N, C-alpha and C. Protein backbone atom coordinates (compact mmCIF):
# COMPACT_ATOMS: atom_id res chain seq x y z
N MET A 1 97.43 55.76 -85.40
CA MET A 1 97.07 54.34 -85.31
C MET A 1 95.64 54.23 -84.83
N GLY A 2 94.84 53.40 -85.46
CA GLY A 2 93.45 53.26 -85.08
C GLY A 2 93.05 51.80 -85.03
N LEU A 3 91.85 51.57 -84.50
CA LEU A 3 91.34 50.21 -84.33
C LEU A 3 89.91 50.17 -84.86
N PHE A 4 89.60 49.14 -85.66
CA PHE A 4 88.20 48.91 -85.97
C PHE A 4 87.93 47.43 -85.95
N ARG A 5 86.66 47.10 -85.64
CA ARG A 5 86.23 45.70 -85.56
C ARG A 5 85.23 45.43 -86.68
N ARG A 6 85.46 44.33 -87.39
CA ARG A 6 84.53 43.96 -88.44
C ARG A 6 83.34 43.22 -87.85
N LYS A 7 82.17 43.36 -88.50
CA LYS A 7 80.97 42.64 -88.06
C LYS A 7 81.20 41.15 -88.21
N GLN A 8 80.97 40.40 -87.14
CA GLN A 8 81.18 38.96 -87.15
C GLN A 8 79.92 38.25 -87.62
N GLU A 9 80.02 37.42 -88.66
CA GLU A 9 78.90 36.65 -89.17
C GLU A 9 78.83 35.33 -88.40
N THR A 10 77.64 34.99 -87.87
CA THR A 10 77.49 33.74 -87.13
C THR A 10 77.56 32.57 -88.09
N LEU A 11 77.86 31.38 -87.55
CA LEU A 11 77.93 30.17 -88.37
C LEU A 11 76.59 29.90 -89.03
N ASN A 12 75.47 30.10 -88.28
CA ASN A 12 74.16 29.86 -88.85
C ASN A 12 73.88 30.80 -90.02
N GLU A 13 74.28 32.10 -89.86
CA GLU A 13 74.09 33.06 -90.94
C GLU A 13 74.92 32.67 -92.16
N GLN A 14 76.14 32.19 -91.92
CA GLN A 14 77.00 31.79 -93.02
C GLN A 14 76.40 30.61 -93.79
N LEU A 15 75.88 29.59 -93.05
CA LEU A 15 75.31 28.41 -93.71
C LEU A 15 74.08 28.78 -94.51
N LEU A 16 73.23 29.66 -93.93
CA LEU A 16 72.03 30.09 -94.65
C LEU A 16 72.39 30.87 -95.90
N ARG A 17 73.40 31.78 -95.76
CA ARG A 17 73.81 32.56 -96.92
C ARG A 17 74.34 31.68 -98.02
N GLU A 18 75.19 30.68 -97.67
CA GLU A 18 75.77 29.82 -98.68
C GLU A 18 74.73 28.93 -99.33
N ALA A 19 73.61 28.65 -98.61
CA ALA A 19 72.54 27.82 -99.16
C ALA A 19 71.52 28.65 -99.93
N GLY A 20 71.72 29.97 -100.00
CA GLY A 20 70.79 30.84 -100.69
C GLY A 20 69.55 31.14 -99.90
N LEU A 21 69.62 31.02 -98.56
CA LEU A 21 68.48 31.27 -97.68
C LEU A 21 68.76 32.49 -96.83
N ASP A 22 67.70 33.04 -96.24
CA ASP A 22 67.83 34.17 -95.32
C ASP A 22 66.87 33.95 -94.19
N GLN A 23 66.98 34.75 -93.13
CA GLN A 23 66.08 34.63 -92.00
C GLN A 23 65.14 35.81 -91.98
N ASN A 24 63.80 35.51 -91.73
CA ASN A 24 62.88 36.61 -91.54
C ASN A 24 62.92 37.05 -90.09
N GLU A 25 62.08 38.01 -89.71
CA GLU A 25 62.14 38.56 -88.35
C GLU A 25 61.80 37.53 -87.31
N SER A 26 61.04 36.50 -87.67
CA SER A 26 60.69 35.47 -86.68
C SER A 26 61.78 34.45 -86.50
N GLY A 27 62.85 34.55 -87.31
CA GLY A 27 63.96 33.59 -87.17
C GLY A 27 63.84 32.42 -88.11
N MET A 28 62.75 32.34 -88.92
CA MET A 28 62.58 31.21 -89.83
C MET A 28 63.37 31.46 -91.10
N ALA A 29 63.94 30.39 -91.64
CA ALA A 29 64.71 30.51 -92.87
C ALA A 29 63.78 30.59 -94.06
N VAL A 30 63.98 31.53 -94.92
CA VAL A 30 63.17 31.68 -96.12
C VAL A 30 64.10 31.75 -97.31
N ALA A 31 63.63 31.26 -98.42
CA ALA A 31 64.44 31.28 -99.62
C ALA A 31 64.46 32.67 -100.21
N GLU A 32 65.63 33.05 -100.68
CA GLU A 32 65.74 34.35 -101.31
C GLU A 32 65.08 34.29 -102.69
N PRO A 33 64.32 35.34 -103.09
CA PRO A 33 63.67 35.32 -104.41
C PRO A 33 64.71 35.32 -105.51
N GLU A 34 64.36 34.58 -106.59
CA GLU A 34 65.26 34.54 -107.73
C GLU A 34 65.29 35.91 -108.40
N PRO A 35 66.45 36.48 -108.64
CA PRO A 35 66.51 37.78 -109.29
C PRO A 35 66.01 37.71 -110.72
N GLU A 36 65.33 38.77 -111.16
CA GLU A 36 64.87 38.82 -112.53
C GLU A 36 66.07 38.96 -113.46
N PRO A 37 66.03 38.25 -114.59
CA PRO A 37 67.19 38.35 -115.50
C PRO A 37 67.33 39.76 -116.04
N ALA A 38 68.54 40.23 -116.07
CA ALA A 38 68.81 41.57 -116.56
C ALA A 38 68.66 41.60 -118.07
N PRO A 39 68.10 42.67 -118.62
CA PRO A 39 67.97 42.75 -120.09
C PRO A 39 69.33 42.78 -120.74
N GLU A 40 69.42 42.14 -121.89
CA GLU A 40 70.69 42.13 -122.61
C GLU A 40 71.00 43.52 -123.13
N PRO A 41 72.22 44.01 -122.89
CA PRO A 41 72.56 45.36 -123.36
C PRO A 41 72.67 45.42 -124.87
N GLU A 42 72.32 46.56 -125.41
CA GLU A 42 72.46 46.75 -126.83
C GLU A 42 73.93 46.86 -127.19
N PRO A 43 74.32 46.34 -128.34
CA PRO A 43 75.75 46.42 -128.71
C PRO A 43 76.20 47.85 -128.87
N ASP A 44 77.42 48.12 -128.37
CA ASP A 44 78.01 49.45 -128.45
C ASP A 44 78.55 49.66 -129.85
N PRO A 45 78.04 50.70 -130.55
CA PRO A 45 78.56 50.91 -131.92
C PRO A 45 80.02 51.33 -131.94
N HIS A 46 80.53 51.82 -130.80
CA HIS A 46 81.93 52.22 -130.73
C HIS A 46 82.58 51.53 -129.52
N PRO A 47 82.83 50.23 -129.60
CA PRO A 47 83.38 49.51 -128.43
C PRO A 47 84.73 50.03 -128.03
N GLU A 48 84.96 50.05 -126.69
CA GLU A 48 86.25 50.51 -126.16
C GLU A 48 87.30 49.44 -126.34
N THR A 49 88.44 49.83 -126.81
CA THR A 49 89.54 48.89 -127.00
C THR A 49 90.35 48.80 -125.72
N ARG A 50 90.51 47.58 -125.17
CA ARG A 50 91.23 47.38 -123.91
C ARG A 50 92.43 46.49 -124.16
N GLY A 51 93.49 46.77 -123.45
CA GLY A 51 94.67 45.94 -123.53
C GLY A 51 94.48 44.65 -122.76
N PRO A 52 95.26 43.63 -123.01
CA PRO A 52 95.07 42.33 -122.34
C PRO A 52 95.36 42.36 -120.87
N ALA A 53 96.04 43.40 -120.37
CA ALA A 53 96.42 43.39 -118.95
C ALA A 53 95.79 44.53 -118.18
N ASP A 54 94.69 45.13 -118.72
CA ASP A 54 94.10 46.29 -118.06
C ASP A 54 93.57 45.98 -116.67
N ASP A 55 93.04 44.75 -116.45
CA ASP A 55 92.46 44.40 -115.17
C ASP A 55 93.29 43.37 -114.42
N VAL A 56 94.56 43.27 -114.76
CA VAL A 56 95.42 42.28 -114.13
C VAL A 56 96.36 42.97 -113.16
N VAL A 57 96.46 42.43 -111.94
CA VAL A 57 97.39 42.98 -110.97
C VAL A 57 98.82 42.69 -111.44
N PRO A 58 99.71 43.67 -111.41
CA PRO A 58 101.08 43.43 -111.83
C PRO A 58 101.72 42.26 -111.09
N ARG A 59 102.74 41.67 -111.69
CA ARG A 59 103.37 40.48 -111.11
C ARG A 59 103.91 40.76 -109.71
N SER A 60 104.36 41.94 -109.43
CA SER A 60 104.85 42.31 -108.10
C SER A 60 104.05 43.50 -107.58
N PRO A 61 102.77 43.24 -107.16
CA PRO A 61 101.91 44.36 -106.81
C PRO A 61 102.22 44.99 -105.47
N ILE A 62 102.96 44.31 -104.61
CA ILE A 62 103.13 44.79 -103.26
C ILE A 62 104.57 45.22 -103.03
N PRO A 63 104.81 46.48 -102.65
CA PRO A 63 106.17 46.87 -102.29
C PRO A 63 106.61 46.14 -101.04
N THR A 64 107.90 45.85 -100.96
CA THR A 64 108.39 45.13 -99.78
C THR A 64 108.30 46.01 -98.55
N PHE A 65 108.18 45.36 -97.40
CA PHE A 65 108.14 46.13 -96.16
C PHE A 65 108.89 45.36 -95.09
N GLY A 66 109.40 46.09 -94.10
CA GLY A 66 110.32 45.52 -93.12
C GLY A 66 109.63 44.73 -92.04
N VAL A 67 110.38 43.80 -91.45
CA VAL A 67 109.92 43.05 -90.30
C VAL A 67 110.20 43.87 -89.05
N SER A 68 109.23 43.92 -88.13
CA SER A 68 109.45 44.70 -86.92
C SER A 68 110.43 43.99 -86.00
N GLY A 69 110.88 44.69 -84.98
CA GLY A 69 111.85 44.12 -84.05
C GLY A 69 113.14 44.91 -84.10
N SER A 70 113.76 45.11 -82.94
CA SER A 70 114.92 46.01 -82.88
C SER A 70 116.06 45.53 -83.76
N ARG A 71 116.29 44.21 -83.84
CA ARG A 71 117.40 43.73 -84.66
C ARG A 71 117.00 43.52 -86.11
N GLN A 72 115.69 43.35 -86.37
CA GLN A 72 115.26 42.95 -87.69
C GLN A 72 114.56 44.07 -88.44
N ARG A 73 114.62 45.29 -87.92
CA ARG A 73 113.85 46.38 -88.51
C ARG A 73 114.25 46.63 -89.96
N SER A 74 115.52 46.40 -90.29
CA SER A 74 115.99 46.70 -91.64
C SER A 74 115.83 45.52 -92.59
N ARG A 75 115.40 44.37 -92.09
CA ARG A 75 115.20 43.22 -92.97
C ARG A 75 114.03 43.47 -93.89
N VAL A 76 114.04 42.84 -95.04
CA VAL A 76 112.95 42.99 -95.99
C VAL A 76 112.31 41.64 -96.20
N ILE A 77 111.00 41.63 -96.21
CA ILE A 77 110.29 40.39 -96.45
C ILE A 77 110.43 40.02 -97.92
N GLU A 78 111.04 38.88 -98.20
CA GLU A 78 111.22 38.46 -99.57
C GLU A 78 110.05 37.62 -100.06
N LYS A 79 109.34 36.99 -99.15
CA LYS A 79 108.23 36.13 -99.53
C LYS A 79 107.05 36.42 -98.63
N LEU A 80 105.94 36.83 -99.24
CA LEU A 80 104.71 37.06 -98.49
C LEU A 80 103.93 35.75 -98.40
N ASP A 81 103.12 35.64 -97.36
CA ASP A 81 102.31 34.43 -97.17
C ASP A 81 101.02 34.48 -97.96
N ALA A 82 100.57 35.67 -98.33
CA ALA A 82 99.32 35.79 -99.10
C ALA A 82 99.32 37.11 -99.84
N VAL A 83 98.77 37.09 -101.06
CA VAL A 83 98.59 38.31 -101.84
C VAL A 83 97.20 38.26 -102.46
N GLY A 84 96.67 39.41 -102.77
CA GLY A 84 95.36 39.48 -103.40
C GLY A 84 95.17 40.84 -104.03
N SER A 85 94.03 41.02 -104.67
CA SER A 85 93.70 42.30 -105.28
C SER A 85 92.26 42.64 -104.94
N VAL A 86 92.00 43.93 -104.80
CA VAL A 86 90.68 44.43 -104.40
C VAL A 86 90.38 45.68 -105.21
N LYS A 87 89.13 45.81 -105.65
CA LYS A 87 88.68 47.05 -106.25
C LYS A 87 87.81 47.78 -105.23
N SER A 88 88.18 49.00 -104.90
CA SER A 88 87.43 49.78 -103.92
C SER A 88 87.53 51.26 -104.27
N ALA A 89 86.36 51.90 -104.32
CA ALA A 89 86.33 53.33 -104.60
C ALA A 89 86.39 54.17 -103.33
N THR A 90 86.35 53.52 -102.16
CA THR A 90 86.31 54.26 -100.90
C THR A 90 87.67 54.43 -100.26
N LEU A 91 88.66 53.62 -100.66
CA LEU A 91 89.99 53.72 -100.07
C LEU A 91 90.74 54.91 -100.65
N ALA A 92 91.35 55.70 -99.78
CA ALA A 92 92.06 56.90 -100.21
C ALA A 92 93.57 56.68 -100.14
N GLY A 93 94.32 57.59 -100.76
CA GLY A 93 95.77 57.50 -100.71
C GLY A 93 96.30 56.44 -101.64
N ASP A 94 97.57 56.11 -101.47
CA ASP A 94 98.22 55.11 -102.32
C ASP A 94 98.82 53.95 -101.53
N ARG A 95 98.82 54.02 -100.20
CA ARG A 95 99.47 52.99 -99.39
C ARG A 95 98.75 52.87 -98.06
N ILE A 96 98.49 51.65 -97.65
CA ILE A 96 97.81 51.38 -96.37
C ILE A 96 98.56 50.25 -95.67
N GLU A 97 98.82 50.43 -94.39
CA GLU A 97 99.47 49.39 -93.59
C GLU A 97 98.57 49.09 -92.39
N PHE A 98 98.38 47.81 -92.12
CA PHE A 98 97.58 47.43 -90.97
C PHE A 98 98.02 46.07 -90.45
N THR A 99 97.66 45.81 -89.20
CA THR A 99 97.97 44.54 -88.54
C THR A 99 96.68 43.96 -88.00
N THR A 100 96.47 42.68 -88.22
CA THR A 100 95.28 42.01 -87.71
C THR A 100 95.65 41.14 -86.52
N LEU A 101 94.92 41.30 -85.42
CA LEU A 101 95.18 40.56 -84.19
C LEU A 101 94.53 39.18 -84.26
N PRO A 102 94.89 38.29 -83.33
CA PRO A 102 94.29 36.95 -83.36
C PRO A 102 92.77 36.94 -83.29
N ASN A 103 92.17 37.94 -82.62
CA ASN A 103 90.71 37.98 -82.51
C ASN A 103 90.04 38.62 -83.71
N GLY A 104 90.81 39.01 -84.72
CA GLY A 104 90.24 39.60 -85.92
C GLY A 104 90.22 41.11 -85.93
N ASP A 105 90.48 41.76 -84.80
CA ASP A 105 90.54 43.22 -84.79
C ASP A 105 91.67 43.71 -85.68
N VAL A 106 91.44 44.84 -86.33
CA VAL A 106 92.41 45.40 -87.26
C VAL A 106 93.00 46.68 -86.67
N ILE A 107 94.32 46.71 -86.54
CA ILE A 107 95.03 47.89 -86.07
C ILE A 107 95.57 48.62 -87.29
N VAL A 108 95.09 49.83 -87.52
CA VAL A 108 95.49 50.61 -88.69
C VAL A 108 96.74 51.40 -88.33
N GLU A 109 97.81 51.16 -89.04
CA GLU A 109 99.07 51.84 -88.78
C GLU A 109 99.30 53.00 -89.72
N LYS A 110 98.84 52.88 -90.97
CA LYS A 110 99.00 53.97 -91.93
C LYS A 110 97.84 53.94 -92.89
N GLU A 111 97.08 55.04 -92.93
CA GLU A 111 95.95 55.14 -93.86
C GLU A 111 95.61 56.60 -94.03
N GLN A 112 95.27 56.98 -95.23
CA GLN A 112 94.76 58.32 -95.50
C GLN A 112 93.25 58.27 -95.43
N GLY A 113 92.66 58.99 -94.47
CA GLY A 113 91.22 58.88 -94.26
C GLY A 113 90.91 57.79 -93.26
N ASP A 114 89.64 57.40 -93.20
CA ASP A 114 89.24 56.37 -92.23
C ASP A 114 88.27 55.38 -92.87
N ALA A 115 88.54 54.97 -94.11
CA ALA A 115 87.68 54.02 -94.80
C ALA A 115 87.75 52.64 -94.14
N ASP A 116 86.70 51.87 -94.32
CA ASP A 116 86.66 50.50 -93.81
C ASP A 116 87.65 49.64 -94.59
N LEU A 117 88.56 48.98 -93.87
CA LEU A 117 89.58 48.15 -94.52
C LEU A 117 89.15 46.70 -94.65
N SER A 118 87.91 46.39 -94.34
CA SER A 118 87.44 45.00 -94.40
C SER A 118 87.68 44.35 -95.76
N PRO A 119 87.47 45.05 -96.90
CA PRO A 119 87.73 44.38 -98.17
C PRO A 119 89.17 43.89 -98.31
N LEU A 120 90.13 44.67 -97.81
CA LEU A 120 91.53 44.23 -97.88
C LEU A 120 91.77 43.03 -96.99
N ALA A 121 91.26 43.11 -95.75
CA ALA A 121 91.44 41.99 -94.82
C ALA A 121 90.74 40.73 -95.32
N ASP A 122 89.54 40.89 -95.89
CA ASP A 122 88.81 39.73 -96.39
C ASP A 122 89.56 39.05 -97.53
N ALA A 123 90.19 39.85 -98.39
CA ALA A 123 90.95 39.27 -99.50
C ALA A 123 92.11 38.43 -98.99
N ILE A 124 92.79 38.91 -97.95
CA ILE A 124 93.91 38.16 -97.39
C ILE A 124 93.42 36.91 -96.66
N GLU A 125 92.32 37.03 -95.95
CA GLU A 125 91.86 35.92 -95.11
C GLU A 125 91.19 34.80 -95.90
N LYS A 126 91.12 34.95 -97.22
CA LYS A 126 90.76 33.81 -98.06
C LYS A 126 91.91 32.81 -98.11
N LYS A 127 93.11 33.26 -97.71
CA LYS A 127 94.31 32.43 -97.84
C LYS A 127 94.98 32.15 -96.51
N ILE A 128 94.99 33.11 -95.60
CA ILE A 128 95.60 32.89 -94.28
C ILE A 128 94.69 33.47 -93.22
N ARG A 129 94.89 33.02 -91.99
CA ARG A 129 94.10 33.50 -90.88
C ARG A 129 94.93 34.49 -90.06
N PRO A 130 94.26 35.37 -89.29
CA PRO A 130 94.99 36.25 -88.39
C PRO A 130 95.75 35.43 -87.36
N PRO A 131 96.83 36.02 -86.80
CA PRO A 131 97.31 37.39 -86.98
C PRO A 131 98.28 37.50 -88.15
N TYR A 132 98.33 38.69 -88.73
CA TYR A 132 99.26 38.96 -89.82
C TYR A 132 99.47 40.47 -89.94
N ARG A 133 100.55 40.83 -90.59
CA ARG A 133 100.84 42.22 -90.91
C ARG A 133 100.65 42.39 -92.41
N ALA A 134 99.93 43.45 -92.81
CA ALA A 134 99.57 43.60 -94.22
C ALA A 134 99.92 44.98 -94.73
N LEU A 135 100.15 45.02 -96.04
CA LEU A 135 100.42 46.27 -96.72
C LEU A 135 99.66 46.26 -98.03
N ALA A 136 98.96 47.36 -98.31
CA ALA A 136 98.22 47.48 -99.56
C ALA A 136 98.74 48.68 -100.33
N ALA A 137 98.79 48.56 -101.64
CA ALA A 137 99.27 49.65 -102.49
C ALA A 137 98.33 49.80 -103.69
N ARG A 138 97.99 51.04 -103.99
CA ARG A 138 97.13 51.29 -105.15
C ARG A 138 97.90 50.95 -106.43
N GLN A 139 97.23 50.22 -107.33
CA GLN A 139 97.86 49.86 -108.60
C GLN A 139 97.49 50.86 -109.70
N SER A 140 96.20 51.05 -109.89
CA SER A 140 95.71 52.04 -110.85
C SER A 140 94.22 52.21 -110.60
N GLY A 141 93.76 53.44 -110.61
CA GLY A 141 92.35 53.69 -110.38
C GLY A 141 91.91 53.15 -109.03
N ASP A 142 90.86 52.32 -109.04
CA ASP A 142 90.33 51.74 -107.80
C ASP A 142 90.93 50.37 -107.49
N LEU A 143 91.92 49.94 -108.25
CA LEU A 143 92.50 48.61 -108.06
C LEU A 143 93.66 48.67 -107.07
N TRP A 144 93.58 47.84 -106.03
CA TRP A 144 94.62 47.76 -105.00
C TRP A 144 95.21 46.36 -104.97
N GLY A 145 96.51 46.29 -104.76
CA GLY A 145 97.16 45.03 -104.45
C GLY A 145 97.44 44.98 -102.96
N VAL A 146 97.26 43.83 -102.33
CA VAL A 146 97.47 43.70 -100.90
C VAL A 146 98.24 42.41 -100.63
N GLY A 147 99.22 42.49 -99.74
CA GLY A 147 100.00 41.33 -99.36
C GLY A 147 100.15 41.28 -97.85
N ALA A 148 100.38 40.07 -97.32
CA ALA A 148 100.45 39.92 -95.87
C ALA A 148 101.47 38.86 -95.48
N LYS A 149 102.00 39.03 -94.29
CA LYS A 149 102.96 38.10 -93.70
C LYS A 149 102.44 37.67 -92.34
N ARG A 150 102.40 36.37 -92.11
CA ARG A 150 101.98 35.88 -90.80
C ARG A 150 102.93 36.38 -89.71
N ILE A 151 102.37 36.65 -88.54
CA ILE A 151 103.18 37.07 -87.41
C ILE A 151 102.74 36.30 -86.17
N GLN A 152 103.57 36.33 -85.16
CA GLN A 152 103.24 35.73 -83.87
C GLN A 152 102.93 36.85 -82.89
N VAL A 153 101.80 36.75 -82.21
CA VAL A 153 101.35 37.80 -81.31
C VAL A 153 101.12 37.20 -79.93
N VAL A 154 101.60 37.90 -78.90
CA VAL A 154 101.37 37.49 -77.52
C VAL A 154 100.86 38.70 -76.74
N THR A 155 100.26 38.41 -75.60
CA THR A 155 99.80 39.45 -74.70
C THR A 155 100.80 39.61 -73.56
N VAL A 156 101.32 40.81 -73.41
CA VAL A 156 102.28 41.12 -72.34
C VAL A 156 101.80 42.39 -71.64
N GLU A 157 101.62 42.31 -70.35
CA GLU A 157 101.20 43.48 -69.59
C GLU A 157 102.43 44.27 -69.16
N LEU A 158 102.74 45.29 -69.92
CA LEU A 158 103.88 46.16 -69.64
C LEU A 158 103.45 47.59 -69.94
N ALA A 159 103.44 48.42 -68.90
CA ALA A 159 102.88 49.77 -69.05
C ALA A 159 103.73 50.65 -69.96
N GLN A 160 105.04 50.56 -69.85
CA GLN A 160 105.92 51.44 -70.59
C GLN A 160 106.68 50.68 -71.67
N GLY A 161 107.12 51.44 -72.67
CA GLY A 161 107.98 50.86 -73.68
C GLY A 161 107.25 50.40 -74.92
N GLU A 162 108.00 50.41 -76.05
CA GLU A 162 107.47 49.96 -77.32
C GLU A 162 108.20 48.73 -77.84
N ARG A 163 109.40 48.46 -77.31
CA ARG A 163 110.18 47.32 -77.77
C ARG A 163 110.79 46.61 -76.56
N ILE A 164 110.81 45.30 -76.62
CA ILE A 164 111.43 44.48 -75.58
C ILE A 164 112.40 43.52 -76.25
N GLU A 165 113.57 43.37 -75.64
CA GLU A 165 114.52 42.35 -76.09
C GLU A 165 114.93 41.54 -74.87
N LEU A 166 114.65 40.25 -74.92
CA LEU A 166 114.99 39.34 -73.83
C LEU A 166 115.97 38.30 -74.36
N THR A 167 117.11 38.18 -73.70
CA THR A 167 118.09 37.17 -74.09
C THR A 167 118.46 36.33 -72.88
N LEU A 168 118.73 35.06 -73.14
CA LEU A 168 119.25 34.16 -72.13
C LEU A 168 120.43 33.43 -72.75
N ASN A 169 121.61 33.64 -72.17
CA ASN A 169 122.83 33.08 -72.74
C ASN A 169 123.70 32.58 -71.60
N ASP A 170 123.98 31.26 -71.62
CA ASP A 170 124.79 30.63 -70.57
C ASP A 170 124.21 30.91 -69.19
N GLY A 171 122.89 30.88 -69.09
CA GLY A 171 122.23 31.07 -67.80
C GLY A 171 122.07 32.52 -67.38
N PHE A 172 122.58 33.46 -68.15
CA PHE A 172 122.47 34.87 -67.80
C PHE A 172 121.36 35.51 -68.61
N GLN A 173 120.38 36.08 -67.90
CA GLN A 173 119.24 36.70 -68.57
C GLN A 173 119.38 38.22 -68.58
N GLU A 174 119.06 38.81 -69.71
CA GLU A 174 119.09 40.26 -69.85
C GLU A 174 117.81 40.72 -70.52
N VAL A 175 117.21 41.75 -69.96
CA VAL A 175 115.99 42.34 -70.53
C VAL A 175 116.26 43.80 -70.85
N ARG A 176 115.94 44.20 -72.06
CA ARG A 176 116.05 45.59 -72.47
C ARG A 176 114.68 46.07 -72.94
N VAL A 177 114.30 47.24 -72.49
CA VAL A 177 113.06 47.88 -72.93
C VAL A 177 113.45 49.18 -73.63
N ASP A 178 113.08 49.30 -74.89
CA ASP A 178 113.49 50.46 -75.69
C ASP A 178 115.01 50.66 -75.63
N ASP A 179 115.75 49.54 -75.72
CA ASP A 179 117.22 49.51 -75.77
C ASP A 179 117.88 49.86 -74.44
N GLU A 180 117.10 50.01 -73.38
CA GLU A 180 117.67 50.30 -72.06
C GLU A 180 117.51 49.07 -71.16
N LEU A 181 118.56 48.77 -70.37
CA LEU A 181 118.47 47.66 -69.42
C LEU A 181 117.28 47.86 -68.49
N SER A 182 116.58 46.76 -68.20
CA SER A 182 115.36 46.85 -67.40
C SER A 182 115.26 45.64 -66.49
N ASP A 183 114.59 45.82 -65.33
CA ASP A 183 114.33 44.70 -64.44
C ASP A 183 112.90 44.20 -64.60
N ALA A 184 112.26 44.55 -65.73
CA ALA A 184 110.89 44.10 -65.99
C ALA A 184 110.84 42.58 -66.10
N GLU A 185 109.78 42.00 -65.58
CA GLU A 185 109.57 40.57 -65.67
C GLU A 185 108.58 40.29 -66.80
N VAL A 186 109.01 39.45 -67.72
CA VAL A 186 108.17 39.13 -68.89
C VAL A 186 108.11 37.61 -69.06
N PRO A 187 107.38 36.93 -68.17
CA PRO A 187 107.34 35.46 -68.23
C PRO A 187 106.78 34.92 -69.54
N GLU A 188 105.91 35.71 -70.19
CA GLU A 188 105.36 35.25 -71.47
C GLU A 188 106.46 35.09 -72.52
N LEU A 189 107.44 36.01 -72.51
CA LEU A 189 108.53 35.92 -73.47
C LEU A 189 109.51 34.81 -73.08
N VAL A 190 109.70 34.62 -71.78
CA VAL A 190 110.56 33.53 -71.32
C VAL A 190 110.00 32.19 -71.79
N ALA A 191 108.69 32.02 -71.67
CA ALA A 191 108.07 30.76 -72.08
C ALA A 191 108.26 30.51 -73.58
N LEU A 192 108.19 31.57 -74.36
CA LEU A 192 108.41 31.41 -75.80
C LEU A 192 109.86 31.04 -76.09
N GLY A 193 110.80 31.69 -75.41
CA GLY A 193 112.21 31.39 -75.64
C GLY A 193 112.58 29.97 -75.28
N GLU A 194 112.01 29.47 -74.20
CA GLU A 194 112.34 28.11 -73.76
C GLU A 194 111.90 27.06 -74.77
N GLN A 195 111.01 27.42 -75.67
CA GLN A 195 110.55 26.46 -76.66
C GLN A 195 111.58 26.21 -77.75
N VAL A 196 112.59 27.10 -77.89
CA VAL A 196 113.56 26.94 -78.97
C VAL A 196 114.93 26.48 -78.47
N GLY A 197 115.13 26.41 -77.15
CA GLY A 197 116.41 25.93 -76.65
C GLY A 197 116.81 26.58 -75.34
N ALA A 198 118.00 26.20 -74.85
CA ALA A 198 118.48 26.73 -73.57
C ALA A 198 118.91 28.18 -73.68
N ASP A 199 119.47 28.57 -74.82
CA ASP A 199 119.89 29.95 -75.05
C ASP A 199 119.04 30.52 -76.18
N TYR A 200 118.54 31.73 -75.97
CA TYR A 200 117.60 32.26 -76.96
C TYR A 200 117.55 33.78 -76.88
N CYS A 201 116.92 34.34 -77.92
CA CYS A 201 116.63 35.77 -77.95
C CYS A 201 115.17 35.94 -78.38
N VAL A 202 114.44 36.73 -77.63
CA VAL A 202 113.04 37.03 -77.97
C VAL A 202 112.92 38.54 -78.13
N GLU A 203 112.47 38.97 -79.30
CA GLU A 203 112.24 40.38 -79.56
C GLU A 203 110.75 40.62 -79.70
N ALA A 204 110.27 41.68 -79.08
CA ALA A 204 108.84 42.00 -79.11
C ALA A 204 108.65 43.48 -79.41
N GLU A 205 107.66 43.77 -80.20
CA GLU A 205 107.31 45.17 -80.51
C GLU A 205 105.82 45.34 -80.30
N ARG A 206 105.48 46.41 -79.57
CA ARG A 206 104.08 46.63 -79.24
C ARG A 206 103.28 46.95 -80.52
N ILE A 207 102.16 46.25 -80.65
CA ILE A 207 101.23 46.55 -81.73
C ILE A 207 100.21 47.57 -81.26
N ASP A 208 99.55 47.24 -80.16
CA ASP A 208 98.57 48.14 -79.57
C ASP A 208 98.19 47.58 -78.21
N GLY A 209 98.16 48.43 -77.19
CA GLY A 209 97.79 47.97 -75.86
C GLY A 209 98.73 46.89 -75.36
N ASP A 210 98.16 45.75 -74.94
CA ASP A 210 98.97 44.64 -74.44
C ASP A 210 99.33 43.64 -75.52
N PHE A 211 99.05 43.93 -76.79
CA PHE A 211 99.38 43.01 -77.89
C PHE A 211 100.75 43.36 -78.46
N TRP A 212 101.61 42.32 -78.54
CA TRP A 212 102.97 42.50 -79.02
C TRP A 212 103.26 41.48 -80.13
N GLU A 213 103.95 41.96 -81.16
CA GLU A 213 104.47 41.05 -82.19
C GLU A 213 105.83 40.54 -81.74
N VAL A 214 106.06 39.24 -81.82
CA VAL A 214 107.30 38.66 -81.30
C VAL A 214 108.03 37.86 -82.35
N HIS A 215 109.37 37.82 -82.18
CA HIS A 215 110.25 37.00 -83.00
C HIS A 215 111.18 36.26 -82.06
N VAL A 216 111.25 34.95 -82.20
CA VAL A 216 112.02 34.11 -81.27
C VAL A 216 113.09 33.38 -82.08
N SER A 217 114.31 33.40 -81.56
CA SER A 217 115.40 32.71 -82.26
C SER A 217 116.37 32.13 -81.24
N PRO A 218 116.92 30.94 -81.54
CA PRO A 218 117.93 30.36 -80.64
C PRO A 218 119.26 31.09 -80.81
N LEU A 219 120.09 31.04 -79.76
CA LEU A 219 121.42 31.62 -79.83
C LEU A 219 122.46 30.51 -79.97
């Protein structure tokens, strides 16, 4: 598992870029020079014959993947919140899994090599904002399909454990850490549970450090 941070573009830089302007070293906005028109290519005497779907992402480009959480690990996501396609010659392997935190940091869970995953994240974030869990799969050549599911992320300071299950039923509270009874106090999870009713179950799985993915349901 690894972490990388994408370069953050300032609002001023974004507005200048969208207006076709740039900043010189003194900070003044200058217009970008108009590119010279490219010469028209000569016709190919032997044009390549392409099928109608050579550059089209298949209708189901993303393999399904499970929802985290001790009770929901075997569930399969039937509907993704966002899908996209990316062409990249730098991505290795055939499958990449990553999670994006609310601050935009990307936690890499499965990747062959250490290529920058920003193109995949950028494709998803045209449609949804972090946090989300994403999976990318190579379609053919340099073409990748990527899909993502929104998740809820909270910060919980707990030194040990990878999974937490907190239940409150008829006034009786039980906390389990990695399936073992625990006396750990997790007020952040209690606050989430109280939002759905008097009796509830909150499941949390550590993403990285103090960041946890949570699922809250009434009982």
